[in-house]
Amino acid sequence: MNTLSSLPSTPTKLITCVLKDDGSDKRLMQALRSEKQIVTSSSVACRGVSMLEKTIAKHGELPESQLVKMVQVVVTEAQAEDIFDYIYTTSDVGEPGGGAMFIGPLLNTTFLSLPEDIPDEKQK
């Protein structure tokens, strides 16, 4: 018997944004938690090449990549547009060199709850 099939399913979306490596990922995740009660986000460092900034590269070679942060946020379908707009505004993605965003559906999501008495991580 498959017990997972009896669990209620909530349609979800994944919002992904690529931001400059200037601490904006942490600020965004803190704002999502405090202002929108969104705790389903993560950030990872990766390398990226900006298509909109002037780059210098030899013919046939890629320009040098920069360190960027990729933030991923899982939200319900009902929250998706509001949170997408909030992230766009809060993270300055619309500014030149501000980053990029996209959204798409998730096939399956499992929401887990942590105990209420776990303290927040310390801010650096």
N, C-alpha and C. Protein backbone atom coordinates (compact mmCIF):
# COMPACT_ATOMS: atom_id res chain seq x y z
N MET A 1 0.84 -1.18 0.00
CA MET A 1 0.00 0.00 0.00
C MET A 1 0.88 1.24 0.00
N ASN A 2 0.61 2.16 -0.88
CA ASN A 2 1.36 3.41 -0.96
C ASN A 2 0.70 4.45 -0.07
N THR A 3 1.34 4.77 1.07
CA THR A 3 0.75 5.70 2.02
C THR A 3 0.86 7.15 1.55
N LEU A 4 1.82 7.44 0.65
CA LEU A 4 1.97 8.81 0.17
C LEU A 4 0.80 9.25 -0.68
N SER A 5 0.14 8.32 -1.35
CA SER A 5 -0.96 8.69 -2.22
C SER A 5 -2.16 9.22 -1.42
N SER A 6 -2.21 8.92 -0.13
CA SER A 6 -3.33 9.39 0.68
C SER A 6 -3.08 10.79 1.27
N LEU A 7 -1.87 11.31 1.12
CA LEU A 7 -1.57 12.64 1.63
C LEU A 7 -2.19 13.70 0.74
N PRO A 8 -2.71 14.79 1.35
CA PRO A 8 -3.27 15.87 0.52
C PRO A 8 -2.17 16.54 -0.29
N SER A 9 -2.50 16.91 -1.50
CA SER A 9 -1.52 17.54 -2.39
C SER A 9 -1.92 18.99 -2.64
N THR A 10 -0.97 19.90 -2.44
CA THR A 10 -1.19 21.31 -2.70
C THR A 10 -0.33 21.70 -3.89
N PRO A 11 -0.92 22.23 -4.97
CA PRO A 11 -0.10 22.65 -6.10
C PRO A 11 0.88 23.75 -5.67
N THR A 12 2.14 23.58 -6.05
CA THR A 12 3.18 24.52 -5.66
C THR A 12 3.97 25.00 -6.86
N LYS A 13 4.67 26.10 -6.66
CA LYS A 13 5.54 26.66 -7.69
C LYS A 13 6.90 26.94 -7.09
N LEU A 14 7.91 26.93 -7.94
CA LEU A 14 9.27 27.24 -7.54
C LEU A 14 9.67 28.56 -8.18
N ILE A 15 9.99 29.54 -7.34
CA ILE A 15 10.49 30.83 -7.81
C ILE A 15 12.00 30.79 -7.65
N THR A 16 12.72 31.05 -8.72
CA THR A 16 14.18 31.06 -8.69
C THR A 16 14.67 32.43 -9.11
N CYS A 17 15.61 32.97 -8.36
CA CYS A 17 16.22 34.23 -8.77
C CYS A 17 17.73 34.15 -8.58
N VAL A 18 18.42 34.79 -9.48
CA VAL A 18 19.88 34.87 -9.44
C VAL A 18 20.22 36.31 -9.08
N LEU A 19 20.94 36.45 -7.97
CA LEU A 19 21.25 37.78 -7.43
C LEU A 19 22.75 37.98 -7.33
N LYS A 20 23.14 39.25 -7.21
CA LYS A 20 24.55 39.57 -7.00
C LYS A 20 25.00 38.99 -5.66
N ASP A 21 26.28 38.72 -5.56
CA ASP A 21 26.85 38.19 -4.33
C ASP A 21 27.23 39.35 -3.41
N ASP A 22 26.20 40.03 -2.89
CA ASP A 22 26.43 41.19 -2.03
C ASP A 22 25.60 41.11 -0.75
N GLY A 23 25.14 39.93 -0.41
CA GLY A 23 24.31 39.75 0.78
C GLY A 23 22.82 39.91 0.52
N SER A 24 22.45 40.22 -0.72
CA SER A 24 21.04 40.43 -1.03
C SER A 24 20.23 39.14 -0.87
N ASP A 25 20.86 37.98 -1.03
CA ASP A 25 20.15 36.71 -0.85
C ASP A 25 19.69 36.56 0.59
N LYS A 26 20.58 36.84 1.53
CA LYS A 26 20.23 36.73 2.96
C LYS A 26 19.17 37.76 3.34
N ARG A 27 19.32 38.99 2.84
CA ARG A 27 18.33 40.03 3.14
C ARG A 27 16.95 39.64 2.59
N LEU A 28 16.92 39.08 1.39
CA LEU A 28 15.66 38.65 0.78
C LEU A 28 15.02 37.54 1.61
N MET A 29 15.80 36.54 1.99
CA MET A 29 15.25 35.42 2.75
C MET A 29 14.74 35.88 4.12
N GLN A 30 15.44 36.83 4.75
CA GLN A 30 14.98 37.37 6.03
C GLN A 30 13.68 38.15 5.85
N ALA A 31 13.59 38.94 4.78
CA ALA A 31 12.37 39.70 4.51
C ALA A 31 11.19 38.77 4.21
N LEU A 32 11.43 37.71 3.45
CA LEU A 32 10.37 36.75 3.16
C LEU A 32 9.84 36.13 4.45
N ARG A 33 10.76 35.83 5.36
CA ARG A 33 10.33 35.21 6.62
C ARG A 33 9.58 36.20 7.50
N SER A 34 10.12 37.38 7.68
CA SER A 34 9.51 38.33 8.61
C SER A 34 8.26 39.01 8.06
N GLU A 35 8.24 39.31 6.77
CA GLU A 35 7.11 40.06 6.21
C GLU A 35 6.04 39.18 5.56
N LYS A 36 6.44 38.03 5.03
CA LYS A 36 5.49 37.18 4.30
C LYS A 36 5.32 35.79 4.93
N GLN A 37 6.04 35.52 6.02
CA GLN A 37 5.99 34.22 6.71
C GLN A 37 6.35 33.05 5.78
N ILE A 38 7.26 33.30 4.84
CA ILE A 38 7.74 32.27 3.92
C ILE A 38 9.05 31.72 4.48
N VAL A 39 9.06 30.43 4.81
CA VAL A 39 10.27 29.79 5.35
C VAL A 39 10.79 28.69 4.42
N THR A 40 10.21 28.60 3.25
CA THR A 40 10.60 27.56 2.30
C THR A 40 11.51 28.14 1.22
N SER A 41 12.67 28.64 1.66
CA SER A 41 13.62 29.23 0.72
C SER A 41 15.02 28.72 1.02
N SER A 42 15.87 28.79 0.00
CA SER A 42 17.27 28.40 0.17
C SER A 42 18.12 29.26 -0.75
N SER A 43 19.41 29.31 -0.43
CA SER A 43 20.35 30.09 -1.22
C SER A 43 21.61 29.27 -1.42
N VAL A 44 22.16 29.34 -2.62
CA VAL A 44 23.39 28.62 -2.92
C VAL A 44 24.29 29.51 -3.78
N ALA A 45 25.59 29.44 -3.53
CA ALA A 45 26.55 30.20 -4.33
C ALA A 45 26.84 29.44 -5.62
N CYS A 46 26.94 30.16 -6.72
CA CYS A 46 27.28 29.55 -8.01
C CYS A 46 27.97 30.59 -8.89
N ARG A 47 28.40 30.19 -10.06
CA ARG A 47 29.07 31.09 -10.99
C ARG A 47 28.08 31.48 -12.08
N GLY A 48 28.16 32.73 -12.54
CA GLY A 48 27.27 33.19 -13.58
C GLY A 48 27.93 34.20 -14.49
N VAL A 49 27.39 34.32 -15.70
CA VAL A 49 27.87 35.29 -16.68
C VAL A 49 26.70 36.20 -17.03
N SER A 50 26.86 37.50 -16.84
CA SER A 50 25.80 38.44 -17.13
C SER A 50 25.71 38.69 -18.63
N MET A 51 24.50 38.65 -19.13
CA MET A 51 24.29 38.91 -20.56
C MET A 51 24.14 40.40 -20.82
N LEU A 52 23.84 41.18 -19.79
CA LEU A 52 23.56 42.60 -20.00
C LEU A 52 24.74 43.51 -19.70
N GLU A 53 25.75 43.00 -19.01
CA GLU A 53 26.91 43.82 -18.70
C GLU A 53 27.96 43.68 -19.79
N LYS A 54 28.76 44.71 -19.95
CA LYS A 54 29.83 44.69 -20.93
C LYS A 54 30.86 43.64 -20.50
N THR A 55 31.18 42.75 -21.40
CA THR A 55 32.15 41.71 -21.09
C THR A 55 33.26 41.72 -22.13
N ILE A 56 34.41 41.30 -21.68
CA ILE A 56 35.56 41.21 -22.58
C ILE A 56 35.97 39.75 -22.65
N ALA A 57 35.96 39.20 -23.84
CA ALA A 57 36.37 37.81 -24.02
C ALA A 57 36.96 37.64 -25.41
N LYS A 58 37.87 36.73 -25.51
CA LYS A 58 38.45 36.42 -26.82
C LYS A 58 37.42 35.70 -27.66
N HIS A 59 37.55 35.85 -28.95
CA HIS A 59 36.63 35.20 -29.88
C HIS A 59 36.62 33.69 -29.61
N GLY A 60 35.43 33.13 -29.48
CA GLY A 60 35.29 31.70 -29.27
C GLY A 60 35.42 31.27 -27.82
N GLU A 61 35.59 32.22 -26.90
CA GLU A 61 35.71 31.89 -25.48
C GLU A 61 34.59 32.58 -24.70
N LEU A 62 34.24 31.99 -23.58
CA LEU A 62 33.24 32.59 -22.72
C LEU A 62 33.89 33.67 -21.86
N PRO A 63 33.12 34.71 -21.52
CA PRO A 63 33.67 35.72 -20.60
C PRO A 63 33.86 35.11 -19.21
N GLU A 64 34.67 35.76 -18.40
CA GLU A 64 34.92 35.28 -17.04
C GLU A 64 33.63 35.34 -16.22
N SER A 65 33.36 34.29 -15.50
CA SER A 65 32.14 34.24 -14.69
C SER A 65 32.34 34.96 -13.36
N GLN A 66 31.22 35.31 -12.74
CA GLN A 66 31.22 35.99 -11.45
C GLN A 66 30.50 35.13 -10.43
N LEU A 67 30.84 35.32 -9.17
CA LEU A 67 30.13 34.63 -8.11
C LEU A 67 28.76 35.29 -7.94
N VAL A 68 27.70 34.49 -7.95
CA VAL A 68 26.33 34.97 -7.76
C VAL A 68 25.64 34.05 -6.75
N LYS A 69 24.47 34.45 -6.32
CA LYS A 69 23.66 33.64 -5.41
C LYS A 69 22.36 33.28 -6.09
N MET A 70 22.01 32.00 -6.03
CA MET A 70 20.74 31.54 -6.57
C MET A 70 19.82 31.25 -5.39
N VAL A 71 18.71 31.97 -5.35
CA VAL A 71 17.72 31.80 -4.29
C VAL A 71 16.53 31.07 -4.88
N GLN A 72 16.08 30.03 -4.18
CA GLN A 72 14.91 29.29 -4.61
C GLN A 72 13.87 29.34 -3.50
N VAL A 73 12.62 29.62 -3.88
CA VAL A 73 11.53 29.77 -2.92
C VAL A 73 10.36 28.90 -3.38
N VAL A 74 9.89 28.03 -2.52
CA VAL A 74 8.73 27.20 -2.81
C VAL A 74 7.51 27.86 -2.20
N VAL A 75 6.48 28.08 -3.03
CA VAL A 75 5.24 28.71 -2.58
C VAL A 75 4.05 27.95 -3.14
N THR A 76 2.89 28.15 -2.53
CA THR A 76 1.69 27.54 -3.09
C THR A 76 1.31 28.30 -4.36
N GLU A 77 0.52 27.65 -5.19
CA GLU A 77 0.07 28.29 -6.42
C GLU A 77 -0.68 29.59 -6.12
N ALA A 78 -1.43 29.61 -5.03
CA ALA A 78 -2.20 30.80 -4.67
C ALA A 78 -1.29 31.98 -4.28
N GLN A 79 -0.12 31.70 -3.73
CA GLN A 79 0.81 32.75 -3.31
C GLN A 79 1.74 33.20 -4.43
N ALA A 80 1.87 32.43 -5.48
CA ALA A 80 2.95 32.58 -6.46
C ALA A 80 3.09 33.99 -7.04
N GLU A 81 2.04 34.56 -7.56
CA GLU A 81 2.15 35.87 -8.21
C GLU A 81 2.52 36.96 -7.22
N ASP A 82 1.89 36.94 -6.04
CA ASP A 82 2.17 37.95 -5.02
C ASP A 82 3.63 37.86 -4.56
N ILE A 83 4.12 36.67 -4.30
CA ILE A 83 5.49 36.50 -3.81
C ILE A 83 6.49 36.80 -4.93
N PHE A 84 6.18 36.44 -6.16
CA PHE A 84 7.05 36.76 -7.29
C PHE A 84 7.22 38.28 -7.39
N ASP A 85 6.11 39.02 -7.34
CA ASP A 85 6.16 40.48 -7.40
C ASP A 85 6.93 41.06 -6.21
N TYR A 86 6.70 40.49 -5.03
CA TYR A 86 7.40 40.95 -3.83
C TYR A 86 8.91 40.77 -3.96
N ILE A 87 9.34 39.61 -4.43
CA ILE A 87 10.77 39.33 -4.61
C ILE A 87 11.36 40.27 -5.65
N TYR A 88 10.65 40.46 -6.75
CA TYR A 88 11.12 41.36 -7.82
C TYR A 88 11.38 42.76 -7.27
N THR A 89 10.45 43.25 -6.47
CA THR A 89 10.57 44.60 -5.91
C THR A 89 11.62 44.66 -4.80
N THR A 90 11.60 43.70 -3.91
CA THR A 90 12.49 43.70 -2.75
C THR A 90 13.95 43.49 -3.11
N SER A 91 14.21 42.65 -4.11
CA SER A 91 15.60 42.29 -4.42
C SER A 91 16.22 43.15 -5.52
N ASP A 92 15.51 44.13 -6.03
CA ASP A 92 16.01 45.02 -7.09
C ASP A 92 16.41 44.28 -8.37
N VAL A 93 15.72 43.19 -8.68
CA VAL A 93 16.00 42.45 -9.91
C VAL A 93 15.76 43.33 -11.13
N GLY A 94 14.84 44.26 -11.04
CA GLY A 94 14.52 45.12 -12.17
C GLY A 94 15.56 46.19 -12.48
N GLU A 95 16.54 46.36 -11.60
CA GLU A 95 17.61 47.33 -11.82
C GLU A 95 18.67 46.74 -12.74
N PRO A 96 19.40 47.58 -13.48
CA PRO A 96 20.47 47.06 -14.33
C PRO A 96 21.49 46.25 -13.51
N GLY A 97 21.77 45.04 -13.96
CA GLY A 97 22.70 44.16 -13.26
C GLY A 97 22.12 43.57 -11.99
N GLY A 98 20.81 43.73 -11.78
CA GLY A 98 20.18 43.27 -10.55
C GLY A 98 19.93 41.79 -10.46
N GLY A 99 19.98 41.08 -11.57
CA GLY A 99 19.76 39.64 -11.53
C GLY A 99 18.68 39.20 -12.50
N ALA A 100 18.18 38.01 -12.26
CA ALA A 100 17.16 37.43 -13.12
C ALA A 100 16.22 36.58 -12.27
N MET A 101 14.98 36.41 -12.75
CA MET A 101 13.99 35.60 -12.04
C MET A 101 13.19 34.77 -13.02
N PHE A 102 12.76 33.61 -12.54
CA PHE A 102 11.81 32.82 -13.30
C PHE A 102 10.99 31.97 -12.33
N ILE A 103 9.86 31.46 -12.83
CA ILE A 103 8.94 30.70 -11.99
C ILE A 103 8.43 29.51 -12.79
N GLY A 104 8.18 28.41 -12.10
CA GLY A 104 7.66 27.23 -12.76
C GLY A 104 6.99 26.30 -11.76
N PRO A 105 6.20 25.37 -12.26
CA PRO A 105 5.49 24.44 -11.36
C PRO A 105 6.43 23.37 -10.81
N LEU A 106 6.08 22.85 -9.66
CA LEU A 106 6.77 21.70 -9.08
C LEU A 106 5.87 20.49 -9.20
N LEU A 107 6.44 19.35 -9.46
CA LEU A 107 5.63 18.14 -9.59
C LEU A 107 5.15 17.62 -8.25
N ASN A 108 5.99 17.73 -7.22
CA ASN A 108 5.64 17.19 -5.92
C ASN A 108 6.35 17.98 -4.84
N THR A 109 5.67 18.26 -3.76
CA THR A 109 6.25 19.01 -2.65
C THR A 109 5.80 18.38 -1.35
N THR A 110 6.72 18.23 -0.43
CA THR A 110 6.40 17.76 0.91
C THR A 110 6.74 18.86 1.89
N PHE A 111 5.75 19.35 2.62
CA PHE A 111 5.98 20.39 3.61
C PHE A 111 6.22 19.73 4.96
N LEU A 112 7.28 20.16 5.64
CA LEU A 112 7.62 19.64 6.96
C LEU A 112 7.57 20.80 7.95
N SER A 113 7.26 20.49 9.18
CA SER A 113 7.21 21.51 10.22
C SER A 113 8.31 21.27 11.24
N LEU A 114 8.94 22.35 11.68
CA LEU A 114 9.93 22.28 12.74
C LEU A 114 9.26 22.62 14.07
N PRO A 115 9.81 22.16 15.18
CA PRO A 115 9.25 22.54 16.47
C PRO A 115 9.29 24.06 16.65
N GLU A 116 8.34 24.61 17.37
CA GLU A 116 8.22 26.05 17.55
C GLU A 116 9.35 26.66 18.36
N ASP A 117 10.02 25.89 19.23
CA ASP A 117 11.01 26.46 20.14
C ASP A 117 12.43 26.50 19.59
N ILE A 118 12.61 26.29 18.30
CA ILE A 118 13.94 26.37 17.70
C ILE A 118 14.28 27.84 17.45
N PRO A 119 15.43 28.32 17.97
CA PRO A 119 15.78 29.74 17.78
C PRO A 119 16.20 30.03 16.35
N ASP A 120 16.03 31.29 15.96
CA ASP A 120 16.49 31.74 14.65
C ASP A 120 18.02 31.70 14.62
N GLU A 121 18.58 31.54 13.41
CA GLU A 121 20.04 31.59 13.31
C GLU A 121 20.52 33.00 13.55
N LYS A 122 21.73 33.14 14.06
CA LYS A 122 22.27 34.46 14.36
C LYS A 122 22.63 35.19 13.09
N GLN A 123 22.36 36.50 13.07
CA GLN A 123 22.69 37.34 11.92
C GLN A 123 24.18 37.70 11.96
N LYS A 124 24.81 37.71 10.80
CA LYS A 124 26.23 38.04 10.73
C LYS A 124 26.40 39.50 10.47
